[in-house]
């Protein structure tokens, strides 16, 4: 019984170390998405933090601010979606079949 408990604790510690590594990789990951044919670009981290917005000056039309706002929203939402997908894949690689039941285990936004 003692051996099984020790083995389980080692597996848990290994999973915790792998989770910490995945969290750092996600924090360092940069996901870029664009809208309007590349007129607006959004960059987020693997932890769903917006870190950059680029807007082509040619699409800045004071007469049509709504279109620019829509492109920004579209680019940010797509980048966030891709970031979330990346995080889920990385988490599943560590936790295997447990991934769905751990509620993100320390990853914000899950």
PDB file of N, CA and C in Angstrom:
ATOM      1  N   UNK A   1       0.826  -1.187   0.000  1.00  0.00           N
ATOM      2  CA  UNK A   1       0.000   0.000   0.000  1.00  0.00           C
ATOM      3  C   UNK A   1       0.873   1.256   0.000  1.00  0.00           C
ATOM      4  N   UNK A   2       1.945   1.226   0.824  1.00  0.00           N
ATOM      5  CA  UNK A   2       2.849   2.380   0.871  1.00  0.00           C
ATOM      6  C   UNK A   2       3.462   2.676  -0.490  1.00  0.00           C
ATOM      7  N   UNK A   3       3.840   1.621  -1.196  1.00  0.00           N
ATOM      8  CA  UNK A   3       4.457   1.786  -2.507  1.00  0.00           C
ATOM      9  C   UNK A   3       3.518   2.430  -3.508  1.00  0.00           C
ATOM     10  N   UNK A   4       2.268   2.041  -3.463  1.00  0.00           N
ATOM     11  CA  UNK A   4       1.285   2.622  -4.370  1.00  0.00           C
ATOM     12  C   UNK A   4       1.091   4.101  -4.079  1.00  0.00           C
ATOM     13  N   UNK A   5       1.033   4.450  -2.798  1.00  0.00           N
ATOM     14  CA  UNK A   5       0.848   5.845  -2.406  1.00  0.00           C
ATOM     15  C   UNK A   5       2.040   6.684  -2.865  1.00  0.00           C
ATOM     16  N   UNK A   6       3.238   6.165  -2.648  1.00  0.00           N
ATOM     17  CA  UNK A   6       4.447   6.888  -3.068  1.00  0.00           C
ATOM     18  C   UNK A   6       4.492   7.075  -4.574  1.00  0.00           C
ATOM     19  N   UNK A   7       4.095   6.029  -5.312  1.00  0.00           N
ATOM     20  CA  UNK A   7       4.076   6.110  -6.767  1.00  0.00           C
ATOM     21  C   UNK A   7       3.053   7.146  -7.233  1.00  0.00           C
ATOM     22  N   UNK A   8       1.885   7.162  -6.588  1.00  0.00           N
ATOM     23  CA  UNK A   8       0.854   8.130  -6.946  1.00  0.00           C
ATOM     24  C   UNK A   8       1.340   9.554  -6.667  1.00  0.00           C
ATOM     25  N   UNK A   9       2.018   9.755  -5.544  1.00  0.00           N
ATOM     26  CA  UNK A   9       2.529  11.088  -5.209  1.00  0.00           C
ATOM     27  C   UNK A   9       3.571  11.538  -6.228  1.00  0.00           C
ATOM     28  N   UNK A  10       4.419  10.624  -6.668  1.00  0.00           N
ATOM     29  CA  UNK A  10       5.420  10.966  -7.683  1.00  0.00           C
ATOM     30  C   UNK A  10       4.728  11.366  -8.995  1.00  0.00           C
ATOM     31  N   UNK A  11       3.678  10.647  -9.363  1.00  0.00           N
ATOM     32  CA  UNK A  11       2.953  10.976 -10.586  1.00  0.00           C
ATOM     33  C   UNK A  11       2.300  12.347 -10.473  1.00  0.00           C
ATOM     34  N   UNK A  12       1.735  12.648  -9.306  1.00  0.00           N
ATOM     35  CA  UNK A  12       1.110  13.953  -9.097  1.00  0.00           C
ATOM     36  C   UNK A  12       2.155  15.055  -9.167  1.00  0.00           C
ATOM     37  N   UNK A  13       3.304  14.839  -8.546  1.00  0.00           N
ATOM     38  CA  UNK A  13       4.372  15.838  -8.584  1.00  0.00           C
ATOM     39  C   UNK A  13       4.875  16.056 -10.008  1.00  0.00           C
ATOM     40  N   UNK A  14       4.978  14.966 -10.760  1.00  0.00           N
ATOM     41  CA  UNK A  14       5.414  15.070 -12.153  1.00  0.00           C
ATOM     42  C   UNK A  14       4.392  15.879 -12.954  1.00  0.00           C
ATOM     43  N   UNK A  15       3.106  15.605 -12.740  1.00  0.00           N
ATOM     44  CA  UNK A  15       2.058  16.331 -13.454  1.00  0.00           C
ATOM     45  C   UNK A  15       2.085  17.810 -13.079  1.00  0.00           C
ATOM     46  N   UNK A  16       2.316  18.117 -11.812  1.00  0.00           N
ATOM     47  CA  UNK A  16       2.388  19.513 -11.381  1.00  0.00           C
ATOM     48  C   UNK A  16       3.550  20.230 -12.060  1.00  0.00           C
ATOM     49  N   UNK A  17       4.687  19.566 -12.153  1.00  0.00           N
ATOM     50  CA  UNK A  17       5.847  20.168 -12.811  1.00  0.00           C
ATOM     51  C   UNK A  17       5.559  20.396 -14.295  1.00  0.00           C
ATOM     52  N   UNK A  18       4.903  19.428 -14.932  1.00  0.00           N
ATOM     53  CA  UNK A  18       4.567  19.572 -16.337  1.00  0.00           C
ATOM     54  C   UNK A  18       3.546  20.699 -16.537  1.00  0.00           C
ATOM     55  N   UNK A  19       2.592  20.818 -15.609  1.00  0.00           N
ATOM     56  CA  UNK A  19       1.607  21.893 -15.698  1.00  0.00           C
ATOM     57  C   UNK A  19       2.281  23.257 -15.583  1.00  0.00           C
ATOM     58  N   UNK A  20       3.238  23.386 -14.669  1.00  0.00           N
ATOM     59  CA  UNK A  20       3.959  24.652 -14.516  1.00  0.00           C
ATOM     60  C   UNK A  20       4.706  24.991 -15.807  1.00  0.00           C
ATOM     61  N   UNK A  21       5.290  23.979 -16.434  1.00  0.00           N
ATOM     62  CA  UNK A  21       6.003  24.188 -17.691  1.00  0.00           C
ATOM     63  C   UNK A  21       5.030  24.638 -18.786  1.00  0.00           C
ATOM     64  N   UNK A  22       3.866  23.989 -18.862  1.00  0.00           N
ATOM     65  CA  UNK A  22       2.865  24.355 -19.867  1.00  0.00           C
ATOM     66  C   UNK A  22       2.375  25.779 -19.628  1.00  0.00           C
ATOM     67  N   UNK A  23       2.136  26.139 -18.374  1.00  0.00           N
ATOM     68  CA  UNK A  23       1.692  27.503 -18.072  1.00  0.00           C
ATOM     69  C   UNK A  23       2.711  28.530 -18.544  1.00  0.00           C
ATOM     70  N   UNK A  24       3.996  28.258 -18.342  1.00  0.00           N
ATOM     71  CA  UNK A  24       5.030  29.189 -18.797  1.00  0.00           C
ATOM     72  C   UNK A  24       5.073  29.250 -20.318  1.00  0.00           C
ATOM     73  N   UNK A  25       4.946  28.090 -20.969  1.00  0.00           N
ATOM     74  CA  UNK A  25       4.930  28.066 -22.431  1.00  0.00           C
ATOM     75  C   UNK A  25       3.749  28.868 -22.971  1.00  0.00           C
ATOM     76  N   UNK A  26       2.586  28.736 -22.320  1.00  0.00           N
ATOM     77  CA  UNK A  26       1.407  29.485 -22.761  1.00  0.00           C
ATOM     78  C   UNK A  26       1.591  30.979 -22.542  1.00  0.00           C
ATOM     79  N   UNK A  27       2.215  31.350 -21.444  1.00  0.00           N
ATOM     80  CA  UNK A  27       2.469  32.771 -21.182  1.00  0.00           C
ATOM     81  C   UNK A  27       3.406  33.352 -22.242  1.00  0.00           C
ATOM     82  N   UNK A  28       4.328  32.535 -22.728  1.00  0.00           N
ATOM     83  CA  UNK A  28       5.305  32.983 -23.727  1.00  0.00           C
ATOM     84  C   UNK A  28       4.776  32.901 -25.166  1.00  0.00           C
ATOM     85  N   UNK A  29       3.759  32.079 -25.400  1.00  0.00           N
ATOM     86  CA  UNK A  29       3.234  31.871 -26.749  1.00  0.00           C
ATOM     87  C   UNK A  29       2.542  33.139 -27.252  1.00  0.00           C
ATOM     88  N   UNK A  30       2.713  33.424 -28.517  1.00  0.00           N
ATOM     89  CA  UNK A  30       2.060  34.565 -29.151  1.00  0.00           C
ATOM     90  C   UNK A  30       1.207  34.041 -30.313  1.00  0.00           C
ATOM     91  N   UNK A  31      -0.071  34.369 -30.281  1.00  0.00           N
ATOM     92  CA  UNK A  31      -0.995  33.960 -31.328  1.00  0.00           C
ATOM     93  C   UNK A  31      -1.485  35.215 -32.030  1.00  0.00           C
ATOM     94  N   UNK A  32      -1.350  35.246 -33.340  1.00  0.00           N
ATOM     95  CA  UNK A  32      -1.748  36.425 -34.117  1.00  0.00           C
ATOM     96  C   UNK A  32      -2.926  36.071 -35.014  1.00  0.00           C
ATOM     97  N   UNK A  33      -3.862  36.974 -35.078  1.00  0.00           N
ATOM     98  CA  UNK A  33      -4.993  36.837 -35.978  1.00  0.00           C
ATOM     99  C   UNK A  33      -5.226  38.182 -36.644  1.00  0.00           C
ATOM    100  N   UNK A  34      -5.887  38.146 -37.798  1.00  0.00           N
ATOM    101  CA  UNK A  34      -6.152  39.411 -38.486  1.00  0.00           C
ATOM    102  C   UNK A  34      -7.574  39.429 -39.031  1.00  0.00           C
ATOM    103  N   UNK A  35      -8.003  40.616 -39.383  1.00  0.00           N
ATOM    104  CA  UNK A  35      -9.315  40.814 -39.988  1.00  0.00           C
ATOM    105  C   UNK A  35      -9.188  41.893 -41.053  1.00  0.00           C
ATOM    106  N   UNK A  36     -10.164  41.933 -41.934  1.00  0.00           N
ATOM    107  CA  UNK A  36     -10.133  42.948 -42.991  1.00  0.00           C
ATOM    108  C   UNK A  36      -8.975  42.752 -43.937  1.00  0.00           C
ATOM    109  N   UNK A  37      -8.668  41.499 -44.253  1.00  0.00           N
ATOM    110  CA  UNK A  37      -7.564  41.231 -45.171  1.00  0.00           C
ATOM    111  C   UNK A  37      -6.215  41.638 -44.620  1.00  0.00           C
ATOM    112  N   UNK A  38      -6.055  41.592 -43.302  1.00  0.00           N
ATOM    113  CA  UNK A  38      -4.796  41.955 -42.661  1.00  0.00           C
ATOM    114  C   UNK A  38      -4.730  43.408 -42.232  1.00  0.00           C
ATOM    115  N   UNK A  39      -5.822  44.144 -42.413  1.00  0.00           N
ATOM    116  CA  UNK A  39      -5.839  45.557 -42.039  1.00  0.00           C
ATOM    117  C   UNK A  39      -5.740  45.747 -40.533  1.00  0.00           C
ATOM    118  N   UNK A  40      -6.275  44.795 -39.787  1.00  0.00           N
ATOM    119  CA  UNK A  40      -6.205  44.839 -38.326  1.00  0.00           C
ATOM    120  C   UNK A  40      -5.632  43.514 -37.851  1.00  0.00           C
ATOM    121  N   UNK A  41      -4.605  43.591 -37.015  1.00  0.00           N
ATOM    122  CA  UNK A  41      -3.982  42.390 -36.466  1.00  0.00           C
ATOM    123  C   UNK A  41      -4.021  42.468 -34.947  1.00  0.00           C
ATOM    124  N   UNK A  42      -4.326  41.330 -34.324  1.00  0.00           N
ATOM    125  CA  UNK A  42      -4.336  41.232 -32.867  1.00  0.00           C
ATOM    126  C   UNK A  42      -3.399  40.107 -32.458  1.00  0.00           C
ATOM    127  N   UNK A  43      -2.649  40.342 -31.394  1.00  0.00           N
ATOM    128  CA  UNK A  43      -1.736  39.334 -30.868  1.00  0.00           C
ATOM    129  C   UNK A  43      -2.097  39.102 -29.405  1.00  0.00           C
ATOM    130  N   UNK A  44      -2.301  37.831 -29.057  1.00  0.00           N
ATOM    131  CA  UNK A  44      -2.590  37.453 -27.679  1.00  0.00           C
ATOM    132  C   UNK A  44      -1.604  36.381 -27.246  1.00  0.00           C
ATOM    133  N   UNK A  45      -1.501  36.202 -25.931  1.00  0.00           N
ATOM    134  CA  UNK A  45      -0.673  35.117 -25.410  1.00  0.00           C
ATOM    135  C   UNK A  45      -1.517  33.856 -25.307  1.00  0.00           C
ATOM    136  N   UNK A  46      -0.869  32.757 -25.007  1.00  0.00           N
ATOM    137  CA  UNK A  46      -1.567  31.500 -24.782  1.00  0.00           C
ATOM    138  C   UNK A  46      -2.392  31.516 -23.513  1.00  0.00           C
ATOM    139  N   UNK A  47      -2.275  32.583 -22.745  1.00  0.00           N
ATOM    140  CA  UNK A  47      -3.079  32.724 -21.524  1.00  0.00           C
ATOM    141  C   UNK A  47      -4.160  33.791 -21.704  1.00  0.00           C
ATOM    142  N   UNK A  48      -4.523  34.019 -22.950  1.00  0.00           N
ATOM    143  CA  UNK A  48      -5.612  34.911 -23.345  1.00  0.00           C
ATOM    144  C   UNK A  48      -5.411  36.361 -22.898  1.00  0.00           C
ATOM    145  N   UNK A  49      -4.204  36.850 -23.012  1.00  0.00           N
ATOM    146  CA  UNK A  49      -3.926  38.255 -22.720  1.00  0.00           C
ATOM    147  C   UNK A  49      -3.594  38.965 -24.029  1.00  0.00           C
ATOM    148  N   UNK A  50      -4.347  40.024 -24.311  1.00  0.00           N
ATOM    149  CA  UNK A  50      -4.095  40.820 -25.508  1.00  0.00           C
ATOM    150  C   UNK A  50      -2.819  41.619 -25.281  1.00  0.00           C
ATOM    151  N   UNK A  51      -1.844  41.462 -26.181  1.00  0.00           N
ATOM    152  CA  UNK A  51      -0.566  42.151 -26.001  1.00  0.00           C
ATOM    153  C   UNK A  51      -0.242  43.142 -27.115  1.00  0.00           C
ATOM    154  N   UNK A  52      -0.992  43.059 -28.232  1.00  0.00           N
ATOM    155  CA  UNK A  52      -0.670  43.971 -29.327  1.00  0.00           C
ATOM    156  C   UNK A  52      -1.850  44.088 -30.295  1.00  0.00           C
ATOM    157  N   UNK A  53      -2.043  45.299 -30.784  1.00  0.00           N
ATOM    158  CA  UNK A  53      -3.007  45.574 -31.861  1.00  0.00           C
ATOM    159  C   UNK A  53      -2.261  46.394 -32.910  1.00  0.00           C
ATOM    160  N   UNK A  54      -2.372  45.989 -34.144  1.00  0.00           N
ATOM    161  CA  UNK A  54      -1.788  46.742 -35.260  1.00  0.00           C
ATOM    162  C   UNK A  54      -2.912  47.112 -36.214  1.00  0.00           C
ATOM    163  N   UNK A  55      -2.950  48.381 -36.610  1.00  0.00           N
ATOM    164  CA  UNK A  55      -3.977  48.858 -37.528  1.00  0.00           C
ATOM    165  C   UNK A  55      -3.296  49.532 -38.710  1.00  0.00           C
ATOM    166  N   UNK A  56      -3.608  49.062 -39.899  1.00  0.00           N
ATOM    167  CA  UNK A  56      -3.087  49.679 -41.119  1.00  0.00           C
ATOM    168  C   UNK A  56      -3.702  51.074 -41.234  1.00  0.00           C
ATOM    169  N   UNK A  57      -2.880  52.114 -41.272  1.00  0.00           N
ATOM    170  CA  UNK A  57      -3.409  53.482 -41.347  1.00  0.00           C
ATOM    171  C   UNK A  57      -4.369  53.700 -42.520  1.00  0.00           C
ATOM    172  N   UNK A  58      -4.241  52.895 -43.550  1.00  0.00           N
ATOM    173  CA  UNK A  58      -5.099  53.064 -44.729  1.00  0.00           C
ATOM    174  C   UNK A  58      -6.563  52.753 -44.426  1.00  0.00           C
ATOM    175  N   UNK A  59      -6.828  51.993 -43.351  1.00  0.00           N
ATOM    176  CA  UNK A  59      -8.221  51.640 -43.037  1.00  0.00           C
ATOM    177  C   UNK A  59      -8.842  52.576 -41.997  1.00  0.00           C
ATOM    178  N   UNK A  60      -8.096  53.561 -41.564  1.00  0.00           N
ATOM    179  CA  UNK A  60      -8.628  54.509 -40.594  1.00  0.00           C
ATOM    180  C   UNK A  60      -9.409  55.572 -41.355  1.00  0.00           C
ATOM    181  N   UNK A  61     -10.730  55.416 -41.318  1.00  0.00           N
ATOM    182  CA  UNK A  61     -11.630  56.334 -42.013  1.00  0.00           C
ATOM    183  C   UNK A  61     -12.537  56.983 -40.971  1.00  0.00           C
ATOM    184  N   UNK A  62     -12.343  58.268 -40.696  1.00  0.00           N
ATOM    185  CA  UNK A  62     -13.178  58.930 -39.688  1.00  0.00           C
ATOM    186  C   UNK A  62     -14.671  58.855 -40.004  1.00  0.00           C
ATOM    187  N   UNK A  63     -15.003  58.616 -41.262  1.00  0.00           N
ATOM    188  CA  UNK A  63     -16.404  58.513 -41.659  1.00  0.00           C
ATOM    189  C   UNK A  63     -16.994  57.133 -41.389  1.00  0.00           C
ATOM    190  N   UNK A  64     -16.118  56.149 -41.114  1.00  0.00           N
ATOM    191  CA  UNK A  64     -16.604  54.781 -40.915  1.00  0.00           C
ATOM    192  C   UNK A  64     -15.846  54.102 -39.771  1.00  0.00           C
ATOM    193  N   UNK A  65     -15.935  54.664 -38.605  1.00  0.00           N
ATOM    194  CA  UNK A  65     -15.259  54.118 -37.423  1.00  0.00           C
ATOM    195  C   UNK A  65     -15.837  52.752 -37.056  1.00  0.00           C
ATOM    196  N   UNK A  66     -17.108  52.540 -37.306  1.00  0.00           N
ATOM    197  CA  UNK A  66     -17.755  51.270 -36.958  1.00  0.00           C
ATOM    198  C   UNK A  66     -17.093  50.086 -37.655  1.00  0.00           C
ATOM    199  N   UNK A  67     -16.728  50.252 -38.912  1.00  0.00           N
ATOM    200  CA  UNK A  67     -16.073  49.160 -39.637  1.00  0.00           C
ATOM    201  C   UNK A  67     -14.742  48.814 -38.970  1.00  0.00           C
ATOM    202  N   UNK A  68     -13.975  49.818 -38.596  1.00  0.00           N
ATOM    203  CA  UNK A  68     -12.700  49.591 -37.931  1.00  0.00           C
ATOM    204  C   UNK A  68     -12.926  48.889 -36.589  1.00  0.00           C
ATOM    205  N   UNK A  69     -13.917  49.334 -35.842  1.00  0.00           N
ATOM    206  CA  UNK A  69     -14.228  48.695 -34.559  1.00  0.00           C
ATOM    207  C   UNK A  69     -14.601  47.231 -34.758  1.00  0.00           C
ATOM    208  N   UNK A  70     -15.396  46.949 -35.779  1.00  0.00           N
ATOM    209  CA  UNK A  70     -15.795  45.564 -36.074  1.00  0.00           C
ATOM    210  C   UNK A  70     -14.587  44.702 -36.425  1.00  0.00           C
ATOM    211  N   UNK A  71     -13.660  45.251 -37.197  1.00  0.00           N
ATOM    212  CA  UNK A  71     -12.461  44.493 -37.559  1.00  0.00           C
ATOM    213  C   UNK A  71     -11.605  44.208 -36.331  1.00  0.00           C
ATOM    214  N   UNK A  72     -11.500  45.174 -35.433  1.00  0.00           N
ATOM    215  CA  UNK A  72     -10.723  44.973 -34.208  1.00  0.00           C
ATOM    216  C   UNK A  72     -11.348  43.859 -33.375  1.00  0.00           C
ATOM    217  N   UNK A  73     -12.643  43.926 -33.185  1.00  0.00           N
ATOM    218  CA  UNK A  73     -13.341  42.893 -32.408  1.00  0.00           C
ATOM    219  C   UNK A  73     -13.143  41.522 -33.046  1.00  0.00           C
ATOM    220  N   UNK A  74     -13.283  41.438 -34.366  1.00  0.00           N
ATOM    221  CA  UNK A  74     -13.132  40.162 -35.068  1.00  0.00           C
ATOM    222  C   UNK A  74     -11.717  39.602 -34.906  1.00  0.00           C
ATOM    223  N   UNK A  75     -10.718  40.445 -35.061  1.00  0.00           N
ATOM    224  CA  UNK A  75      -9.329  39.991 -34.952  1.00  0.00           C
ATOM    225  C   UNK A  75      -9.017  39.531 -33.527  1.00  0.00           C
ATOM    226  N   UNK A  76      -9.460  40.291 -32.534  1.00  0.00           N
ATOM    227  CA  UNK A  76      -9.201  39.930 -31.139  1.00  0.00           C
ATOM    228  C   UNK A  76      -9.922  38.637 -30.781  1.00  0.00           C
ATOM    229  N   UNK A  77     -11.181  38.523 -31.154  1.00  0.00           N
ATOM    230  CA  UNK A  77     -11.933  37.315 -30.824  1.00  0.00           C
ATOM    231  C   UNK A  77     -11.334  36.070 -31.463  1.00  0.00           C
ATOM    232  N   UNK A  78     -10.885  36.170 -32.690  1.00  0.00           N
ATOM    233  CA  UNK A  78     -10.277  35.012 -33.348  1.00  0.00           C
ATOM    234  C   UNK A  78      -8.947  34.652 -32.688  1.00  0.00           C
ATOM    235  N   UNK A  79      -8.151  35.643 -32.344  1.00  0.00           N
ATOM    236  CA  UNK A  79      -6.883  35.363 -31.661  1.00  0.00           C
ATOM    237  C   UNK A  79      -7.140  34.699 -30.308  1.00  0.00           C
ATOM    238  N   UNK A  80      -8.137  35.181 -29.584  1.00  0.00           N
ATOM    239  CA  UNK A  80      -8.484  34.575 -28.290  1.00  0.00           C
ATOM    240  C   UNK A  80      -8.981  33.148 -28.470  1.00  0.00           C
ATOM    241  N   UNK A  81      -9.780  32.902 -29.502  1.00  0.00           N
ATOM    242  CA  UNK A  81     -10.273  31.553 -29.763  1.00  0.00           C
ATOM    243  C   UNK A  81      -9.102  30.596 -30.031  1.00  0.00           C
ATOM    244  N   UNK A  82      -8.158  31.048 -30.866  1.00  0.00           N
ATOM    245  CA  UNK A  82      -6.995  30.220 -31.172  1.00  0.00           C
ATOM    246  C   UNK A  82      -6.145  29.984 -29.924  1.00  0.00           C
ATOM    247  N   UNK A  83      -6.013  31.008 -29.094  1.00  0.00           N
ATOM    248  CA  UNK A  83      -5.247  30.899 -27.861  1.00  0.00           C
ATOM    249  C   UNK A  83      -5.883  29.880 -26.923  1.00  0.00           C
ATOM    250  N   UNK A  84      -7.191  29.940 -26.795  1.00  0.00           N
ATOM    251  CA  UNK A  84      -7.913  28.996 -25.939  1.00  0.00           C
ATOM    252  C   UNK A  84      -7.727  27.571 -26.449  1.00  0.00           C
ATOM    253  N   UNK A  85      -7.812  27.394 -27.752  1.00  0.00           N
ATOM    254  CA  UNK A  85      -7.620  26.076 -28.358  1.00  0.00           C
ATOM    255  C   UNK A  85      -6.209  25.548 -28.086  1.00  0.00           C
ATOM    256  N   UNK A  86      -5.216  26.411 -28.227  1.00  0.00           N
ATOM    257  CA  UNK A  86      -3.834  26.023 -27.948  1.00  0.00           C
ATOM    258  C   UNK A  86      -3.684  25.592 -26.490  1.00  0.00           C
ATOM    259  N   UNK A  87      -4.245  26.366 -25.577  1.00  0.00           N
ATOM    260  CA  UNK A  87      -4.143  26.043 -24.152  1.00  0.00           C
ATOM    261  C   UNK A  87      -4.811  24.708 -23.853  1.00  0.00           C
ATOM    262  N   UNK A  88      -5.958  24.453 -24.442  1.00  0.00           N
ATOM    263  CA  UNK A  88      -6.654  23.190 -24.215  1.00  0.00           C
ATOM    264  C   UNK A  88      -5.812  22.009 -24.708  1.00  0.00           C
ATOM    265  N   UNK A  89      -5.191  22.157 -25.870  1.00  0.00           N
ATOM    266  CA  UNK A  89      -4.347  21.087 -26.415  1.00  0.00           C
ATOM    267  C   UNK A  89      -3.145  20.827 -25.514  1.00  0.00           C
ATOM    268  N   UNK A  90      -2.493  21.902 -25.064  1.00  0.00           N
ATOM    269  CA  UNK A  90      -1.322  21.735 -24.207  1.00  0.00           C
ATOM    270  C   UNK A  90      -1.708  21.114 -22.866  1.00  0.00           C
ATOM    271  N   UNK A  91      -2.832  21.533 -22.320  1.00  0.00           N
ATOM    272  CA  UNK A  91      -3.309  20.987 -21.060  1.00  0.00           C
ATOM    273  C   UNK A  91      -3.642  19.511 -21.212  1.00  0.00           C
ATOM    274  N   UNK A  92      -4.321  19.154 -22.295  1.00  0.00           N
ATOM    275  CA  UNK A  92      -4.688  17.761 -22.532  1.00  0.00           C
ATOM    276  C   UNK A  92      -3.448  16.880 -22.679  1.00  0.00           C
ATOM    277  N   UNK A  93      -2.373  17.438 -23.227  1.00  0.00           N
ATOM    278  CA  UNK A  93      -1.140  16.666 -23.381  1.00  0.00           C
ATOM    279  C   UNK A  93      -0.557  16.282 -22.024  1.00  0.00           C
ATOM    280  N   UNK A  94      -0.793  17.117 -21.021  1.00  0.00           N
ATOM    281  CA  UNK A  94      -0.270  16.839 -19.677  1.00  0.00           C
ATOM    282  C   UNK A  94      -1.213  15.960 -18.883  1.00  0.00           C
ATOM    283  N   UNK A  95      -2.494  16.275 -18.925  1.00  0.00           N
ATOM    284  CA  UNK A  95      -3.453  15.603 -18.050  1.00  0.00           C
ATOM    285  C   UNK A  95      -4.154  14.430 -18.698  1.00  0.00           C
ATOM    286  N   UNK A  96      -4.034  14.289 -20.005  1.00  0.00           N
ATOM    287  CA  UNK A  96      -4.686  13.186 -20.699  1.00  0.00           C
ATOM    288  C   UNK A  96      -6.191  13.234 -20.531  1.00  0.00           C
ATOM    289  N   UNK A  97      -6.798  12.105 -20.180  1.00  0.00           N
ATOM    290  CA  UNK A  97      -8.257  12.058 -20.088  1.00  0.00           C
ATOM    291  C   UNK A  97      -8.831  12.898 -18.949  1.00  0.00           C
ATOM    292  N   UNK A  98      -7.988  13.366 -18.050  1.00  0.00           N
ATOM    293  CA  UNK A  98      -8.467  14.187 -16.941  1.00  0.00           C
ATOM    294  C   UNK A  98      -8.699  15.639 -17.338  1.00  0.00           C
ATOM    295  N   UNK A  99      -8.201  16.065 -18.490  1.00  0.00           N
ATOM    296  CA  UNK A  99      -8.208  17.478 -18.880  1.00  0.00           C
ATOM    297  C   UNK A  99      -9.576  18.140 -18.741  1.00  0.00           C
ATOM    298  N   UNK A 100     -10.607  17.475 -19.185  1.00  0.00           N
ATOM    299  CA  UNK A 100     -11.931  18.076 -19.120  1.00  0.00           C
ATOM    300  C   UNK A 100     -12.440  18.244 -17.709  1.00  0.00           C
ATOM    301  N   UNK A 101     -11.984  17.398 -16.812  1.00  0.00           N
ATOM    302  CA  UNK A 101     -12.501  17.430 -15.464  1.00  0.00           C
ATOM    303  C   UNK A 101     -11.704  18.268 -14.483  1.00  0.00           C
ATOM    304  N   UNK A 102     -10.631  18.899 -14.934  1.00  0.00           N
ATOM    305  CA  UNK A 102      -9.801  19.672 -14.017  1.00  0.00           C
ATOM    306  C   UNK A 102     -10.122  21.152 -14.034  1.00  0.00           C
ATOM    307  N   UNK A 103     -10.994  21.579 -14.905  1.00  0.00           N
ATOM    308  CA  UNK A 103     -11.407  22.967 -14.930  1.00  0.00           C
ATOM    309  C   UNK A 103     -10.269  23.932 -15.207  1.00  0.00           C
ATOM    310  N   UNK A 104      -9.278  23.515 -15.942  1.00  0.00           N
ATOM    311  CA  UNK A 104      -8.200  24.414 -16.317  1.00  0.00           C
ATOM    312  C   UNK A 104      -7.044  24.420 -15.354  1.00  0.00           C
ATOM    313  N   UNK A 105      -7.228  23.927 -14.156  1.00  0.00           N
ATOM    314  CA  UNK A 105      -6.182  23.782 -13.147  1.00  0.00           C
ATOM    315  C   UNK A 105      -5.175  24.920 -13.173  1.00  0.00           C
ATOM    316  N   UNK A 106      -5.650  26.097 -12.821  1.00  0.00           N
ATOM    317  CA  UNK A 106      -4.740  27.227 -12.689  1.00  0.00           C
ATOM    318  C   UNK A 106      -4.594  28.076 -13.943  1.00  0.00           C
ATOM    319  N   UNK A 107      -5.249  27.685 -15.027  1.00  0.00           N
ATOM    320  CA  UNK A 107      -5.143  28.481 -16.241  1.00  0.00           C
ATOM    321  C   UNK A 107      -6.334  29.435 -16.288  1.00  0.00           C
ATOM    322  N   UNK A 108      -6.087  30.738 -16.199  1.00  0.00           N
ATOM    323  CA  UNK A 108      -7.203  31.676 -16.211  1.00  0.00           C
ATOM    324  C   UNK A 108      -8.004  31.590 -17.499  1.00  0.00           C
ATOM    325  N   UNK A 109      -9.278  31.816 -17.365  1.00  0.00           N
ATOM    326  CA  UNK A 109     -10.125  31.845 -18.529  1.00  0.00           C
ATOM    327  C   UNK A 109     -10.691  30.503 -18.924  1.00  0.00           C
ATOM    328  N   UNK A 110     -10.486  29.479 -18.111  1.00  0.00           N
ATOM    329  CA  UNK A 110     -10.986  28.136 -18.470  1.00  0.00           C
ATOM    330  C   UNK A 110     -12.046  27.712 -17.502  1.00  0.00           C
TER     331      UNK A 110
END
